[in-house]
Each structure stands twice: as C-alpha cells, then as structure tokens.
Amino acid sequence: WHQWKAANPAIIDMGDALLPSGKKVKNGVVTDGPSIESKELVTG
C-alpha cells in the first residue's frame, strides 16, 4: 500500500480500512451491520 501511494501522487487521501463490525440504520431501526445478505462488503 505504501509503495502504491508513493507511486501515485494523485492519491490525496489514502482513506482507511473499515472494521467488519458496524451498525445499520433503516427506517429508524438500528440493527447490527453490515448487511449479511451481501456477497461483498465495503472494506475501505
């Protein structure tokens, strides 16, 4: 990752990885997330 960043000055924010846990708010209801129905997760 550091090599990729060094080779690409256009990267202005490396962002971050996301932890696997989270919460989901839908229609005012809070549940554990992310959605387990998905085959892919946003990880960063």
Full PDB file with SEQRES, HELIX, SHEET, SSBOND, CRYST1, ORIGX, SCALE, CONECT and MASTER records, all heavy atoms in Angstrom:
SEQRES   1 A   44  TRP HIS GLN TRP LYS ALA ALA ASN PRO ALA ILE ILE ASP          
SEQRES   2 A   44  MET GLY ASP ALA LEU LEU PRO SER GLY LYS LYS VAL LYS          
SEQRES   3 A   44  ASN GLY VAL VAL THR ASP GLY PRO SER ILE GLU SER LYS          
SEQRES   4 A   44  GLU LEU VAL THR GLY                                          
HELIX    1 AA1 HIS A    2  ALA A    7  1                                   6    
SHEET    1 AA1 2 GLY A  22  LYS A  26  0                                        
SHEET    2 AA1 2 VAL A  29  GLY A  33 -1                                        
CRYST1    1.000    1.000    1.000  90.00  90.00  90.00 P 1           1          
ORIGX1      1.000000  0.000000  0.000000        0.00000                         
ORIGX2      0.000000  1.000000  0.000000        0.00000                         
ORIGX3      0.000000  0.000000  1.000000        0.00000                         
SCALE1      1.000000  0.000000  0.000000        0.00000                         
SCALE2      0.000000  1.000000  0.000000        0.00000                         
SCALE3      0.000000  0.000000  1.000000        0.00000                         
ATOM      1  N   TRP A   1       0.835  -1.209   0.000  1.00  0.00           N  
ATOM      2  CA  TRP A   1       0.000   0.000   0.000  1.00  0.00           C  
ATOM      3  C   TRP A   1       0.867   1.254   0.000  1.00  0.00           C  
ATOM      4  O   TRP A   1       0.578   2.219  -0.711  1.00  0.00           O  
ATOM      5  CB  TRP A   1      -0.951   0.006   1.205  1.00  0.00           C  
ATOM      6  CG  TRP A   1      -2.131  -0.891   0.988  1.00  0.00           C  
ATOM      7  CD1 TRP A   1      -2.214  -2.219   1.297  1.00  0.00           C  
ATOM      8  CD2 TRP A   1      -3.369  -0.550   0.386  1.00  0.00           C  
ATOM      9  NE1 TRP A   1      -3.438  -2.712   0.922  1.00  0.00           N  
ATOM     10  CE2 TRP A   1      -4.170  -1.710   0.366  1.00  0.00           C  
ATOM     11  CE3 TRP A   1      -3.886   0.628  -0.137  1.00  0.00           C  
ATOM     12  CZ2 TRP A   1      -5.454  -1.724  -0.153  1.00  0.00           C  
ATOM     13  CZ3 TRP A   1      -5.187   0.609  -0.646  1.00  0.00           C  
ATOM     14  CH2 TRP A   1      -5.947  -0.557  -0.651  1.00  0.00           C  
ATOM     15  N   HIS A   2       1.924   1.285   0.796  1.00  0.00           N  
ATOM     16  CA  HIS A   2       2.804   2.453   0.841  1.00  0.00           C  
ATOM     17  C   HIS A   2       3.520   2.665  -0.492  1.00  0.00           C  
ATOM     18  O   HIS A   2       3.695   3.801  -0.935  1.00  0.00           O  
ATOM     19  CB  HIS A   2       3.807   2.337   1.997  1.00  0.00           C  
ATOM     20  CG  HIS A   2       3.157   2.452   3.346  1.00  0.00           C  
ATOM     21  ND1 HIS A   2       2.528   3.592   3.789  1.00  0.00           N  
ATOM     22  CD2 HIS A   2       3.019   1.551   4.338  1.00  0.00           C  
ATOM     23  CE1 HIS A   2       2.043   3.404   4.999  1.00  0.00           C  
ATOM     24  NE2 HIS A   2       2.322   2.162   5.352  1.00  0.00           N  
ATOM     25  N   GLN A   3       3.906   1.581  -1.150  1.00  0.00           N  
ATOM     26  CA  GLN A   3       4.534   1.686  -2.472  1.00  0.00           C  
ATOM     27  C   GLN A   3       3.556   2.244  -3.502  1.00  0.00           C  
ATOM     28  O   GLN A   3       3.910   3.073  -4.336  1.00  0.00           O  
ATOM     29  CB  GLN A   3       5.062   0.322  -2.925  1.00  0.00           C  
ATOM     30  CG  GLN A   3       6.268  -0.143  -2.151  1.00  0.00           C  
ATOM     31  CD  GLN A   3       6.625  -1.594  -2.474  1.00  0.00           C  
ATOM     32  OE1 GLN A   3       5.918  -2.285  -3.184  1.00  0.00           O  
ATOM     33  NE2 GLN A   3       7.743  -2.051  -1.910  1.00  0.00           N  
ATOM     34  N   TRP A   4       2.316   1.782  -3.437  1.00  0.00           N  
ATOM     35  CA  TRP A   4       1.278   2.260  -4.352  1.00  0.00           C  
ATOM     36  C   TRP A   4       1.052   3.748  -4.149  1.00  0.00           C  
ATOM     37  O   TRP A   4       0.974   4.511  -5.107  1.00  0.00           O  
ATOM     38  CB  TRP A   4      -0.001   1.449  -4.123  1.00  0.00           C  
ATOM     39  CG  TRP A   4      -1.174   1.829  -4.954  1.00  0.00           C  
ATOM     40  CD1 TRP A   4      -1.291   1.733  -6.311  1.00  0.00           C  
ATOM     41  CD2 TRP A   4      -2.414   2.350  -4.486  1.00  0.00           C  
ATOM     42  NE1 TRP A   4      -2.542   2.153  -6.714  1.00  0.00           N  
ATOM     43  CE2 TRP A   4      -3.249   2.533  -5.604  1.00  0.00           C  
ATOM     44  CE3 TRP A   4      -2.915   2.657  -3.218  1.00  0.00           C  
ATOM     45  CZ2 TRP A   4      -4.549   3.020  -5.501  1.00  0.00           C  
ATOM     46  CZ3 TRP A   4      -4.210   3.136  -3.123  1.00  0.00           C  
ATOM     47  CH2 TRP A   4      -5.001   3.326  -4.248  1.00  0.00           C  
ATOM     48  N   LYS A   5       0.971   4.185  -2.893  1.00  0.00           N  
ATOM     49  CA  LYS A   5       0.784   5.599  -2.577  1.00  0.00           C  
ATOM     50  C   LYS A   5       1.966   6.426  -3.082  1.00  0.00           C  
ATOM     51  O   LYS A   5       1.786   7.476  -3.702  1.00  0.00           O  
ATOM     52  CB  LYS A   5       0.600   5.779  -1.070  1.00  0.00           C  
ATOM     53  CG  LYS A   5       0.727   7.198  -0.557  1.00  0.00           C  
ATOM     54  CD  LYS A   5      -0.424   8.079  -0.973  1.00  0.00           C  
ATOM     55  CE  LYS A   5      -0.396   9.399  -0.226  1.00  0.00           C  
ATOM     56  NZ  LYS A   5      -0.458  10.557  -1.052  1.00  0.00           N  
ATOM     57  N   ALA A   6       3.171   5.953  -2.842  1.00  0.00           N  
ATOM     58  CA  ALA A   6       4.372   6.688  -3.263  1.00  0.00           C  
ATOM     59  C   ALA A   6       4.432   6.839  -4.781  1.00  0.00           C  
ATOM     60  O   ALA A   6       4.919   7.847  -5.294  1.00  0.00           O  
ATOM     61  CB  ALA A   6       5.625   5.985  -2.748  1.00  0.00           C  
ATOM     62  N   ALA A   7       3.925   5.868  -5.515  1.00  0.00           N  
ATOM     63  CA  ALA A   7       3.964   5.893  -6.980  1.00  0.00           C  
ATOM     64  C   ALA A   7       2.823   6.716  -7.588  1.00  0.00           C  
ATOM     65  O   ALA A   7       2.817   6.948  -8.794  1.00  0.00           O  
ATOM     66  CB  ALA A   7       3.910   4.466  -7.522  1.00  0.00           C  
ATOM     67  N   ASN A   8       1.870   7.158  -6.748  1.00  0.00           N  
ATOM     68  CA  ASN A   8       0.691   7.849  -7.252  1.00  0.00           C  
ATOM     69  C   ASN A   8       0.401   9.112  -6.450  1.00  0.00           C  
ATOM     70  O   ASN A   8      -0.414   9.100  -5.528  1.00  0.00           O  
ATOM     71  CB  ASN A   8      -0.529   6.922  -7.201  1.00  0.00           C  
ATOM     72  CG  ASN A   8      -0.402   5.772  -8.161  1.00  0.00           C  
ATOM     73  OD1 ASN A   8      -0.518   5.943  -9.362  1.00  0.00           O  
ATOM     74  ND2 ASN A   8      -0.152   4.588  -7.629  1.00  0.00           N  
ATOM     75  N   PRO A   9       1.036  10.233  -6.806  1.00  0.00           N  
ATOM     76  CA  PRO A   9       0.789  11.478  -6.065  1.00  0.00           C  
ATOM     77  C   PRO A   9      -0.645  11.989  -6.188  1.00  0.00           C  
ATOM     78  O   PRO A   9      -1.055  12.852  -5.430  1.00  0.00           O  
ATOM     79  CB  PRO A   9       1.785  12.465  -6.666  1.00  0.00           C  
ATOM     80  CG  PRO A   9       2.233  11.863  -7.943  1.00  0.00           C  
ATOM     81  CD  PRO A   9       2.027  10.389  -7.847  1.00  0.00           C  
ATOM     82  N   ALA A  10      -1.420  11.445  -7.113  1.00  0.00           N  
ATOM     83  CA  ALA A  10      -2.826  11.844  -7.248  1.00  0.00           C  
ATOM     84  C   ALA A  10      -3.681  11.328  -6.092  1.00  0.00           C  
ATOM     85  O   ALA A  10      -4.818  11.774  -5.918  1.00  0.00           O  
ATOM     86  CB  ALA A  10      -3.394  11.346  -8.580  1.00  0.00           C  
ATOM     87  N   ILE A  11      -3.151  10.391  -5.307  1.00  0.00           N  
ATOM     88  CA  ILE A  11      -3.892   9.906  -4.138  1.00  0.00           C  
ATOM     89  C   ILE A  11      -3.785  10.982  -3.071  1.00  0.00           C  
ATOM     90  O   ILE A  11      -2.729  11.187  -2.485  1.00  0.00           O  
ATOM     91  CB  ILE A  11      -3.335   8.563  -3.624  1.00  0.00           C  
ATOM     92  CG1 ILE A  11      -3.407   7.500  -4.717  1.00  0.00           C  
ATOM     93  CG2 ILE A  11      -4.098   8.123  -2.374  1.00  0.00           C  
ATOM     94  CD1 ILE A  11      -2.676   6.215  -4.384  1.00  0.00           C  
ATOM     95  N   ILE A  12      -4.886  11.688  -2.838  1.00  0.00           N  
ATOM     96  CA  ILE A  12      -4.855  12.796  -1.885  1.00  0.00           C  
ATOM     97  C   ILE A  12      -5.328  12.387  -0.499  1.00  0.00           C  
ATOM     98  O   ILE A  12      -5.093  13.087   0.472  1.00  0.00           O  
ATOM     99  CB  ILE A  12      -5.653  14.011  -2.394  1.00  0.00           C  
ATOM    100  CG1 ILE A  12      -7.113  13.659  -2.639  1.00  0.00           C  
ATOM    101  CG2 ILE A  12      -5.000  14.577  -3.642  1.00  0.00           C  
ATOM    102  CD1 ILE A  12      -7.994  14.864  -2.939  1.00  0.00           C  
ATOM    103  N   ASP A  13      -5.991  11.239  -0.391  1.00  0.00           N  
ATOM    104  CA  ASP A  13      -6.432  10.720   0.904  1.00  0.00           C  
ATOM    105  C   ASP A  13      -6.429   9.204   0.806  1.00  0.00           C  
ATOM    106  O   ASP A  13      -7.228   8.632   0.078  1.00  0.00           O  
ATOM    107  CB  ASP A  13      -7.830  11.245   1.242  1.00  0.00           C  
ATOM    108  CG  ASP A  13      -8.339  10.799   2.602  1.00  0.00           C  
ATOM    109  OD1 ASP A  13      -7.695   9.954   3.260  1.00  0.00           O  
ATOM    110  OD2 ASP A  13      -9.410  11.296   3.021  1.00  0.00           O  
ATOM    111  N   MET A  14      -5.503   8.571   1.523  1.00  0.00           N  
ATOM    112  CA  MET A  14      -5.433   7.102   1.494  1.00  0.00           C  
ATOM    113  C   MET A  14      -6.670   6.474   2.120  1.00  0.00           C  
ATOM    114  O   MET A  14      -6.922   5.300   1.954  1.00  0.00           O  
ATOM    115  CB  MET A  14      -4.188   6.599   2.220  1.00  0.00           C  
ATOM    116  CG  MET A  14      -2.933   6.652   1.377  1.00  0.00           C  
ATOM    117  SD  MET A  14      -2.984   5.579  -0.071  1.00  0.00           S  
ATOM    118  CE  MET A  14      -2.779   3.977   0.668  1.00  0.00           C  
ATOM    119  N   GLY A  15      -7.446   7.273   2.838  1.00  0.00           N  
ATOM    120  CA  GLY A  15      -8.636   6.726   3.461  1.00  0.00           C  
ATOM    121  C   GLY A  15      -8.253   5.773   4.564  1.00  0.00           C  
ATOM    122  O   GLY A  15      -7.267   5.991   5.276  1.00  0.00           O  
ATOM    123  N   ASP A  16      -8.967   4.698   4.669  1.00  0.00           N  
ATOM    124  CA  ASP A  16      -8.721   3.735   5.726  1.00  0.00           C  
ATOM    125  C   ASP A  16      -9.471   2.454   5.408  1.00  0.00           C  
ATOM    126  O   ASP A  16     -10.385   2.445   4.582  1.00  0.00           O  
ATOM    127  CB  ASP A  16      -9.207   4.299   7.069  1.00  0.00           C  
ATOM    128  CG  ASP A  16      -8.455   3.729   8.259  1.00  0.00           C  
ATOM    129  OD1 ASP A  16      -7.778   2.681   8.111  1.00  0.00           O  
ATOM    130  OD2 ASP A  16      -8.541   4.328   9.336  1.00  0.00           O  
ATOM    131  N   ALA A  17      -9.086   1.410   6.100  1.00  0.00           N  
ATOM    132  CA  ALA A  17      -9.838   0.165   6.035  1.00  0.00           C  
ATOM    133  C   ALA A  17     -11.007   0.278   7.006  1.00  0.00           C  
ATOM    134  O   ALA A  17     -10.950   1.028   7.977  1.00  0.00           O  
ATOM    135  CB  ALA A  17      -8.942  -1.015   6.416  1.00  0.00           C  
ATOM    136  N   LEU A  18     -12.053  -0.446   6.737  1.00  0.00           N  
ATOM    137  CA  LEU A  18     -13.206  -0.469   7.625  1.00  0.00           C  
ATOM    138  C   LEU A  18     -13.198  -1.769   8.420  1.00  0.00           C  
ATOM    139  O   LEU A  18     -12.901  -2.841   7.874  1.00  0.00           O  
ATOM    140  CB  LEU A  18     -14.501  -0.366   6.826  1.00  0.00           C  
ATOM    141  CG  LEU A  18     -14.643   0.892   5.964  1.00  0.00           C  
ATOM    142  CD1 LEU A  18     -15.912   0.803   5.120  1.00  0.00           C  
ATOM    143  CD2 LEU A  18     -14.667   2.131   6.830  1.00  0.00           C  
ATOM    144  N   LEU A  19     -13.513  -1.675   9.688  1.00  0.00           N  
ATOM    145  CA  LEU A  19     -13.618  -2.869  10.519  1.00  0.00           C  
ATOM    146  C   LEU A  19     -14.870  -3.644  10.128  1.00  0.00           C  
ATOM    147  O   LEU A  19     -15.844  -3.063   9.639  1.00  0.00           O  
ATOM    148  CB  LEU A  19     -13.659  -2.486  11.997  1.00  0.00           C  
ATOM    149  CG  LEU A  19     -12.385  -1.812  12.514  1.00  0.00           C  
ATOM    150  CD1 LEU A  19     -12.584  -1.321  13.943  1.00  0.00           C  
ATOM    151  CD2 LEU A  19     -11.206  -2.760  12.424  1.00  0.00           C  
ATOM    152  N   PRO A  20     -14.868  -4.968  10.329  1.00  0.00           N  
ATOM    153  CA  PRO A  20     -16.009  -5.775   9.876  1.00  0.00           C  
ATOM    154  C   PRO A  20     -17.306  -5.505  10.647  1.00  0.00           C  
ATOM    155  O   PRO A  20     -18.386  -5.782  10.156  1.00  0.00           O  
ATOM    156  CB  PRO A  20     -15.551  -7.213  10.070  1.00  0.00           C  
ATOM    157  CG  PRO A  20     -14.303  -7.167  10.849  1.00  0.00           C  
ATOM    158  CD  PRO A  20     -13.777  -5.770  10.824  1.00  0.00           C  
ATOM    159  N   SER A  21     -17.219  -4.962  11.846  1.00  0.00           N  
ATOM    160  CA  SER A  21     -18.437  -4.707  12.614  1.00  0.00           C  
ATOM    161  C   SER A  21     -19.006  -3.342  12.263  1.00  0.00           C  
ATOM    162  O   SER A  21     -18.321  -2.489  11.711  1.00  0.00           O  
ATOM    163  CB  SER A  21     -18.131  -4.774  14.105  1.00  0.00           C  
ATOM    164  OG  SER A  21     -17.198  -3.768  14.440  1.00  0.00           O  
ATOM    165  N   GLY A  22     -20.256  -3.139  12.572  1.00  0.00           N  
ATOM    166  CA  GLY A  22     -20.892  -1.856  12.322  1.00  0.00           C  
ATOM    167  C   GLY A  22     -22.361  -1.926  12.672  1.00  0.00           C  
ATOM    168  O   GLY A  22     -22.856  -2.939  13.179  1.00  0.00           O  
ATOM    169  N   LYS A  23     -23.053  -0.874  12.417  1.00  0.00           N  
ATOM    170  CA  LYS A  23     -24.499  -0.792  12.644  1.00  0.00           C  
ATOM    171  C   LYS A  23     -25.153  -0.302  11.367  1.00  0.00           C  
ATOM    172  O   LYS A  23     -24.538   0.388  10.552  1.00  0.00           O  
ATOM    173  CB  LYS A  23     -24.832   0.182  13.780  1.00  0.00           C  
ATOM    174  CG  LYS A  23     -24.218  -0.182  15.113  1.00  0.00           C  
ATOM    175  CD  LYS A  23     -24.861  -1.399  15.704  1.00  0.00           C  
ATOM    176  CE  LYS A  23     -24.236  -1.721  17.056  1.00  0.00           C  
ATOM    177  NZ  LYS A  23     -24.679  -2.989  17.579  1.00  0.00           N  
ATOM    178  N   LYS A  24     -26.411  -0.637  11.208  1.00  0.00           N  
ATOM    179  CA  LYS A  24     -27.177  -0.240  10.035  1.00  0.00           C  
ATOM    180  C   LYS A  24     -28.450   0.443  10.524  1.00  0.00           C  
ATOM    181  O   LYS A  24     -29.111  -0.057  11.434  1.00  0.00           O  
ATOM    182  CB  LYS A  24     -27.519  -1.485   9.214  1.00  0.00           C  
ATOM    183  CG  LYS A  24     -28.303  -1.232   7.967  1.00  0.00           C  
ATOM    184  CD  LYS A  24     -28.510  -2.556   7.230  1.00  0.00           C  
ATOM    185  CE  LYS A  24     -29.417  -2.395   6.051  1.00  0.00           C  
ATOM    186  NZ  LYS A  24     -29.628  -3.689   5.387  1.00  0.00           N  
ATOM    187  N   VAL A  25     -28.765   1.593   9.948  1.00  0.00           N  
ATOM    188  CA  VAL A  25     -29.986   2.313  10.292  1.00  0.00           C  
ATOM    189  C   VAL A  25     -30.890   2.293   9.065  1.00  0.00           C  
ATOM    190  O   VAL A  25     -30.498   2.734   7.980  1.00  0.00           O  
ATOM    191  CB  VAL A  25     -29.691   3.775  10.705  1.00  0.00           C  
ATOM    192  CG1 VAL A  25     -30.984   4.496  11.036  1.00  0.00           C  
ATOM    193  CG2 VAL A  25     -28.713   3.831  11.857  1.00  0.00           C  
ATOM    194  N   LYS A  26     -32.093   1.773   9.243  1.00  0.00           N  
ATOM    195  CA  LYS A  26     -33.059   1.720   8.148  1.00  0.00           C  
ATOM    196  C   LYS A  26     -34.441   1.940   8.733  1.00  0.00           C  
ATOM    197  O   LYS A  26     -34.836   1.239   9.676  1.00  0.00           O  
ATOM    198  CB  LYS A  26     -32.985   0.370   7.422  1.00  0.00           C  
ATOM    199  CG  LYS A  26     -33.882   0.287   6.216  1.00  0.00           C  
ATOM    200  CD  LYS A  26     -33.679  -1.014   5.461  1.00  0.00           C  
ATOM    201  CE  LYS A  26     -34.550  -1.064   4.226  1.00  0.00           C  
ATOM    202  NZ  LYS A  26     -34.322  -2.308   3.484  1.00  0.00           N  
ATOM    203  N   ASN A  27     -35.152   2.903   8.176  1.00  0.00           N  
ATOM    204  CA  ASN A  27     -36.488   3.241   8.654  1.00  0.00           C  
ATOM    205  C   ASN A  27     -36.506   3.507  10.156  1.00  0.00           C  
ATOM    206  O   ASN A  27     -37.434   3.124  10.861  1.00  0.00           O  
ATOM    207  CB  ASN A  27     -37.493   2.138   8.295  1.00  0.00           C  
ATOM    208  CG  ASN A  27     -37.629   1.939   6.806  1.00  0.00           C  
ATOM    209  OD1 ASN A  27     -37.557   2.894   6.041  1.00  0.00           O  
ATOM    210  ND2 ASN A  27     -37.796   0.704   6.377  1.00  0.00           N  
ATOM    211  N   GLY A  28     -35.447   4.130  10.650  1.00  0.00           N  
ATOM    212  CA  GLY A  28     -35.372   4.480  12.065  1.00  0.00           C  
ATOM    213  C   GLY A  28     -35.002   3.338  12.987  1.00  0.00           C  
ATOM    214  O   GLY A  28     -34.926   3.512  14.198  1.00  0.00           O  
ATOM    215  N   VAL A  29     -34.748   2.160  12.444  1.00  0.00           N  
ATOM    216  CA  VAL A  29     -34.402   0.986  13.245  1.00  0.00           C  
ATOM    217  C   VAL A  29     -32.912   0.712  13.101  1.00  0.00           C  
ATOM    218  O   VAL A  29     -32.389   0.683  11.982  1.00  0.00           O  
ATOM    219  CB  VAL A  29     -35.217  -0.250  12.803  1.00  0.00           C  
ATOM    220  CG1 VAL A  29     -34.818  -1.483  13.594  1.00  0.00           C  
ATOM    221  CG2 VAL A  29     -36.711   0.027  12.947  1.00  0.00           C  
ATOM    222  N   VAL A  30     -32.237   0.507  14.233  1.00  0.00           N  
ATOM    223  CA  VAL A  30     -30.807   0.223  14.238  1.00  0.00           C  
ATOM    224  C   VAL A  30     -30.607  -1.278  14.424  1.00  0.00           C  
ATOM    225  O   VAL A  30     -31.156  -1.874  15.349  1.00  0.00           O  
ATOM    226  CB  VAL A  30     -30.091   0.996  15.373  1.00  0.00           C  
ATOM    227  CG1 VAL A  30     -28.607   0.658  15.389  1.00  0.00           C  
ATOM    228  CG2 VAL A  30     -30.307   2.491  15.224  1.00  0.00           C  
ATOM    229  N   THR A  31     -29.825  -1.869  13.510  1.00  0.00           N  
ATOM    230  CA  THR A  31     -29.500  -3.294  13.612  1.00  0.00           C  
ATOM    231  C   THR A  31     -28.003  -3.471  13.437  1.00  0.00           C  
ATOM    232  O   THR A  31     -27.303  -2.561  12.997  1.00  0.00           O  
ATOM    233  CB  THR A  31     -30.238  -4.121  12.527  1.00  0.00           C  
ATOM    234  OG1 THR A  31     -29.882  -3.614  11.238  1.00  0.00           O  
ATOM    235  CG2 THR A  31     -31.737  -4.062  12.713  1.00  0.00           C  
ATOM    236  N   ASP A  32     -27.520  -4.659  13.774  1.00  0.00           N  
ATOM    237  CA  ASP A  32     -26.116  -4.948  13.525  1.00  0.00           C  
ATOM    238  C   ASP A  32     -25.888  -4.999  12.028  1.00  0.00           C  
ATOM    239  O   ASP A  32     -26.721  -5.475  11.271  1.00  0.00           O  
ATOM    240  CB  ASP A  32     -25.710  -6.288  14.158  1.00  0.00           C  
ATOM    241  CG  ASP A  32     -25.612  -6.210  15.664  1.00  0.00           C  
ATOM    242  OD1 ASP A  32     -25.398  -5.088  16.184  1.00  0.00           O  
ATOM    243  OD2 ASP A  32     -25.753  -7.240  16.328  1.00  0.00           O  
ATOM    244  N   GLY A  33     -24.753  -4.501  11.619  1.00  0.00           N  
ATOM    245  CA  GLY A  33     -24.429  -4.471  10.197  1.00  0.00           C  
ATOM    246  C   GLY A  33     -22.995  -4.881  10.021  1.00  0.00           C  
ATOM    247  O   GLY A  33     -22.334  -5.202  10.994  1.00  0.00           O  
ATOM    248  N   PRO A  34     -22.454  -4.876   8.879  1.00  0.00           N  
ATOM    249  CA  PRO A  34     -23.117  -4.583   7.611  1.00  0.00           C  
ATOM    250  C   PRO A  34     -24.066  -5.700   7.204  1.00  0.00           C  
ATOM    251  O   PRO A  34     -24.120  -6.734   7.863  1.00  0.00           O  
ATOM    252  CB  PRO A  34     -21.953  -4.457   6.639  1.00  0.00           C  
ATOM    253  CG  PRO A  34     -20.846  -5.223   7.246  1.00  0.00           C  
ATOM    254  CD  PRO A  34     -21.054  -5.172   8.732  1.00  0.00           C  
ATOM    255  N   SER A  35     -24.790  -5.486   6.121  1.00  0.00           N  
ATOM    256  CA  SER A  35     -25.790  -6.450   5.671  1.00  0.00           C  
ATOM    257  C   SER A  35     -25.149  -7.789   5.358  1.00  0.00           C  
ATOM    258  O   SER A  35     -24.223  -7.873   4.561  1.00  0.00           O  
ATOM    259  CB  SER A  35     -26.497  -5.931   4.413  1.00  0.00           C  
ATOM    260  OG  SER A  35     -27.171  -4.749   4.691  1.00  0.00           O  
ATOM    261  N   ILE A  36     -25.633  -8.831   5.985  1.00  0.00           N  
ATOM    262  CA  ILE A  36     -25.078 -10.158   5.731  1.00  0.00           C  
ATOM    263  C   ILE A  36     -25.634 -10.770   4.451  1.00  0.00           C  
ATOM    264  O   ILE A  36     -25.139 -11.774   3.978  1.00  0.00           O  
ATOM    265  CB  ILE A  36     -25.310 -11.115   6.924  1.00  0.00           C  
ATOM    266  CG1 ILE A  36     -26.808 -11.231   7.230  1.00  0.00           C  
ATOM    267  CG2 ILE A  36     -24.543 -10.669   8.130  1.00  0.00           C  
ATOM    268  CD1 ILE A  36     -27.141 -12.282   8.256  1.00  0.00           C  
ATOM    269  N   GLU A  37     -26.666 -10.135   3.871  1.00  0.00           N  
ATOM    270  CA  GLU A  37     -27.227 -10.656   2.628  1.00  0.00           C  
ATOM    271  C   GLU A  37     -26.275 -10.440   1.458  1.00  0.00           C  
ATOM    272  O   GLU A  37     -26.371 -11.079   0.435  1.00  0.00           O  
ATOM    273  CB  GLU A  37     -28.562  -9.960   2.302  1.00  0.00           C  
ATOM    274  CG  GLU A  37     -29.634 -10.118   3.347  1.00  0.00           C  
ATOM    275  CD  GLU A  37     -29.547  -9.053   4.436  1.00  0.00           C  
ATOM    276  OE1 GLU A  37     -29.120  -7.920   4.158  1.00  0.00           O  
ATOM    277  OE2 GLU A  37     -29.881  -9.362   5.578  1.00  0.00           O  
ATOM    278  N   SER A  38     -25.361  -9.527   1.621  1.00  0.00           N  
ATOM    279  CA  SER A  38     -24.449  -9.172   0.550  1.00  0.00           C  
ATOM    280  C   SER A  38     -23.347 -10.219   0.393  1.00  0.00           C  
ATOM    281  O   SER A  38     -22.922 -10.834   1.364  1.00  0.00           O  
ATOM    282  CB  SER A  38     -23.819  -7.811   0.853  1.00  0.00           C  
ATOM    283  OG  SER A  38     -22.878  -7.486  -0.127  1.00  0.00           O  
ATOM    284  N   LYS A  39     -22.882 -10.404  -0.833  1.00  0.00           N  
ATOM    285  CA  LYS A  39     -21.751 -11.293  -1.085  1.00  0.00           C  
ATOM    286  C   LYS A  39     -20.438 -10.541  -0.959  1.00  0.00           C  
ATOM    287  O   LYS A  39     -19.387 -11.144  -0.844  1.00  0.00           O  
ATOM    288  CB  LYS A  39     -21.873 -11.913  -2.474  1.00  0.00           C  
ATOM    289  CG  LYS A  39     -23.045 -12.855  -2.604  1.00  0.00           C  
ATOM    290  CD  LYS A  39     -23.144 -13.431  -3.990  1.00  0.00           C  
ATOM    291  CE  LYS A  39     -24.378 -14.306  -4.087  1.00  0.00           C  
ATOM    292  NZ  LYS A  39     -24.596 -14.800  -5.411  1.00  0.00           N  
ATOM    293  N   GLU A  40     -20.521  -9.202  -1.011  1.00  0.00           N  
ATOM    294  CA  GLU A  40     -19.337  -8.350  -0.893  1.00  0.00           C  
ATOM    295  C   GLU A  40     -19.581  -7.323   0.200  1.00  0.00           C  
ATOM    296  O   GLU A  40     -20.708  -6.917   0.442  1.00  0.00           O  
ATOM    297  CB  GLU A  40     -19.071  -7.580  -2.183  1.00  0.00           C  
ATOM    298  CG  GLU A  40     -18.685  -8.388  -3.367  1.00  0.00           C  
ATOM    299  CD  GLU A  40     -18.413  -7.478  -4.559  1.00  0.00           C  
ATOM    300  OE1 GLU A  40     -19.165  -6.523  -4.787  1.00  0.00           O  
ATOM    301  OE2 GLU A  40     -17.425  -7.759  -5.252  1.00  0.00           O  
ATOM    302  N   LEU A  41     -18.499  -6.901   0.825  1.00  0.00           N  
ATOM    303  CA  LEU A  41     -18.566  -5.845   1.825  1.00  0.00           C  
ATOM    304  C   LEU A  41     -17.661  -4.700   1.408  1.00  0.00           C  
ATOM    305  O   LEU A  41     -16.597  -4.923   0.837  1.00  0.00           O  
ATOM    306  CB  LEU A  41     -18.096  -6.360   3.185  1.00  0.00           C  
ATOM    307  CG  LEU A  41     -18.941  -7.437   3.849  1.00  0.00           C  
ATOM    308  CD1 LEU A  41     -18.255  -7.919   5.121  1.00  0.00           C  
ATOM    309  CD2 LEU A  41     -20.322  -6.905   4.159  1.00  0.00           C  
ATOM    310  N   VAL A  42     -18.092  -3.489   1.697  1.00  0.00           N  
ATOM    311  CA  VAL A  42     -17.208  -2.344   1.522  1.00  0.00           C  
ATOM    312  C   VAL A  42     -16.195  -2.429   2.648  1.00  0.00           C  
ATOM    313  O   VAL A  42     -16.559  -2.472   3.821  1.00  0.00           O  
ATOM    314  CB  VAL A  42     -17.980  -1.011   1.569  1.00  0.00           C  
ATOM    315  CG1 VAL A  42     -17.025   0.163   1.554  1.00  0.00           C  
ATOM    316  CG2 VAL A  42     -18.961  -0.925   0.411  1.00  0.00           C  
ATOM    317  N   THR A  43     -14.913  -2.502   2.289  1.00  0.00           N  
ATOM    318  CA  THR A  43     -13.877  -2.711   3.300  1.00  0.00           C  
ATOM    319  C   THR A  43     -12.918  -1.539   3.449  1.00  0.00           C  
ATOM    320  O   THR A  43     -12.036  -1.564   4.296  1.00  0.00           O  
ATOM    321  CB  THR A  43     -13.076  -3.984   2.989  1.00  0.00           C  
ATOM    322  OG1 THR A  43     -12.517  -3.876   1.678  1.00  0.00           O  
ATOM    323  CG2 THR A  43     -13.953  -5.224   3.076  1.00  0.00           C  
ATOM    324  N   GLY A  44     -13.079  -0.500   2.622  1.00  0.00           N  
ATOM    325  CA  GLY A  44     -12.215   0.664   2.741  1.00  0.00           C  
ATOM    326  C   GLY A  44     -12.397   1.601   1.569  1.00  0.00           C  
ATOM    327  O   GLY A  44     -13.227   1.370   0.686  1.00  0.00           O  
TER     328      GLY A  44                                                      
MASTER        0    0    0    1    2    0    0    6  327    1    0    4          
END                                                                             
